[in-house]
């Protein structure tokens, strides 16, 4: 995994929003085959954000 910094958090947040929009559009159209994969990607991105925040807290101590 590449090294992420605090500056990457807004970029990751935008990616989450994109994926959420795609999920809602696919639910409306009925194409559900990619929804689970997108939900998995959202969870993975959220975990990356949590990791970044943990690293930030540990460096303050």
C-alpha atoms as a PDB file:
ATOM      1  CA  UNK A   1       0.000   0.000   0.000  1.00  0.00           C
ATOM      2  CA  UNK A   2       1.268   3.447  -0.818  1.00  0.00           C
ATOM      3  CA  UNK A   3       2.000   6.014   1.855  1.00  0.00           C
ATOM      4  CA  UNK A   4      -0.935   8.320   2.439  1.00  0.00           C
ATOM      5  CA  UNK A   5      -0.802  11.614   4.262  1.00  0.00           C
ATOM      6  CA  UNK A   6      -3.298  13.910   5.934  1.00  0.00           C
ATOM      7  CA  UNK A   7      -3.555  15.874   2.671  1.00  0.00           C
ATOM      8  CA  UNK A   8      -5.056  12.842   0.911  1.00  0.00           C
ATOM      9  CA  UNK A   9      -8.174  12.738   3.127  1.00  0.00           C
ATOM     10  CA  UNK A  10     -10.270  15.185   1.018  1.00  0.00           C
ATOM     11  CA  UNK A  11      -9.389  13.246  -2.124  1.00  0.00           C
ATOM     12  CA  UNK A  12     -10.504   9.995  -0.490  1.00  0.00           C
ATOM     13  CA  UNK A  13     -13.716  11.653   0.712  1.00  0.00           C
ATOM     14  CA  UNK A  14     -14.544  12.725  -2.833  1.00  0.00           C
ATOM     15  CA  UNK A  15     -13.950   9.163  -4.012  1.00  0.00           C
ATOM     16  CA  UNK A  16     -16.391   7.859  -1.383  1.00  0.00           C
ATOM     17  CA  UNK A  17     -19.018  10.355  -2.554  1.00  0.00           C
ATOM     18  CA  UNK A  18     -18.509   9.280  -6.174  1.00  0.00           C
ATOM     19  CA  UNK A  19     -19.010   5.642  -5.241  1.00  0.00           C
ATOM     20  CA  UNK A  20     -22.153   6.472  -3.235  1.00  0.00           C
ATOM     21  CA  UNK A  21     -23.617   8.312  -6.233  1.00  0.00           C
ATOM     22  CA  UNK A  22     -22.873   5.339  -8.484  1.00  0.00           C
ATOM     23  CA  UNK A  23     -24.555   2.999  -6.000  1.00  0.00           C
ATOM     24  CA  UNK A  24     -27.697   5.124  -5.869  1.00  0.00           C
ATOM     25  CA  UNK A  25     -27.851   5.395  -9.672  1.00  0.00           C
ATOM     26  CA  UNK A  26     -27.396   1.652 -10.101  1.00  0.00           C
ATOM     27  CA  UNK A  27     -30.095   0.916  -7.511  1.00  0.00           C
ATOM     28  CA  UNK A  28     -32.498   3.104  -9.488  1.00  0.00           C
ATOM     29  CA  UNK A  29     -31.643   1.494 -12.806  1.00  0.00           C
ATOM     30  CA  UNK A  30     -31.659  -2.036 -11.353  1.00  0.00           C
ATOM     31  CA  UNK A  31     -28.069  -2.974 -12.257  1.00  0.00           C
ATOM     32  CA  UNK A  32     -27.035  -4.441  -8.934  1.00  0.00           C
ATOM     33  CA  UNK A  33     -24.005  -6.522  -9.961  1.00  0.00           C
ATOM     34  CA  UNK A  34     -21.422  -3.872  -9.030  1.00  0.00           C
ATOM     35  CA  UNK A  35     -23.072  -2.523  -5.873  1.00  0.00           C
ATOM     36  CA  UNK A  36     -21.395  -4.972  -3.474  1.00  0.00           C
ATOM     37  CA  UNK A  37     -17.975  -4.238  -4.961  1.00  0.00           C
ATOM     38  CA  UNK A  38     -18.526  -0.484  -4.579  1.00  0.00           C
ATOM     39  CA  UNK A  39     -19.649  -0.904  -0.969  1.00  0.00           C
ATOM     40  CA  UNK A  40     -16.495  -2.922  -0.334  1.00  0.00           C
ATOM     41  CA  UNK A  41     -14.385  -0.125  -1.871  1.00  0.00           C
ATOM     42  CA  UNK A  42     -16.085   2.465   0.359  1.00  0.00           C
ATOM     43  CA  UNK A  43     -15.274   0.364   3.435  1.00  0.00           C
ATOM     44  CA  UNK A  44     -11.642   0.020   2.310  1.00  0.00           C
ATOM     45  CA  UNK A  45     -11.297   3.786   1.760  1.00  0.00           C
ATOM     46  CA  UNK A  46     -12.809   4.503   5.193  1.00  0.00           C
ATOM     47  CA  UNK A  47     -10.259   2.142   6.744  1.00  0.00           C
ATOM     48  CA  UNK A  48      -7.470   4.040   4.963  1.00  0.00           C
ATOM     49  CA  UNK A  49      -8.780   7.333   6.384  1.00  0.00           C
ATOM     50  CA  UNK A  50      -8.872   5.805   9.886  1.00  0.00           C
ATOM     51  CA  UNK A  51      -5.272   4.633   9.467  1.00  0.00           C
ATOM     52  CA  UNK A  52      -4.154   8.124   8.461  1.00  0.00           C
ATOM     53  CA  UNK A  53      -5.873   9.648  11.486  1.00  0.00           C
ATOM     54  CA  UNK A  54      -4.349   7.051  13.835  1.00  0.00           C
ATOM     55  CA  UNK A  55      -0.858   7.791  12.498  1.00  0.00           C
ATOM     56  CA  UNK A  56      -1.499  11.499  12.996  1.00  0.00           C
ATOM     57  CA  UNK A  57      -2.558  10.956  16.633  1.00  0.00           C
ATOM     58  CA  UNK A  58       0.453   8.730  17.346  1.00  0.00           C
ATOM     59  CA  UNK A  59       2.904  11.309  16.045  1.00  0.00           C
ATOM     60  CA  UNK A  60       1.421  13.970  18.336  1.00  0.00           C
ATOM     61  CA  UNK A  61       2.085  11.934  21.470  1.00  0.00           C
END
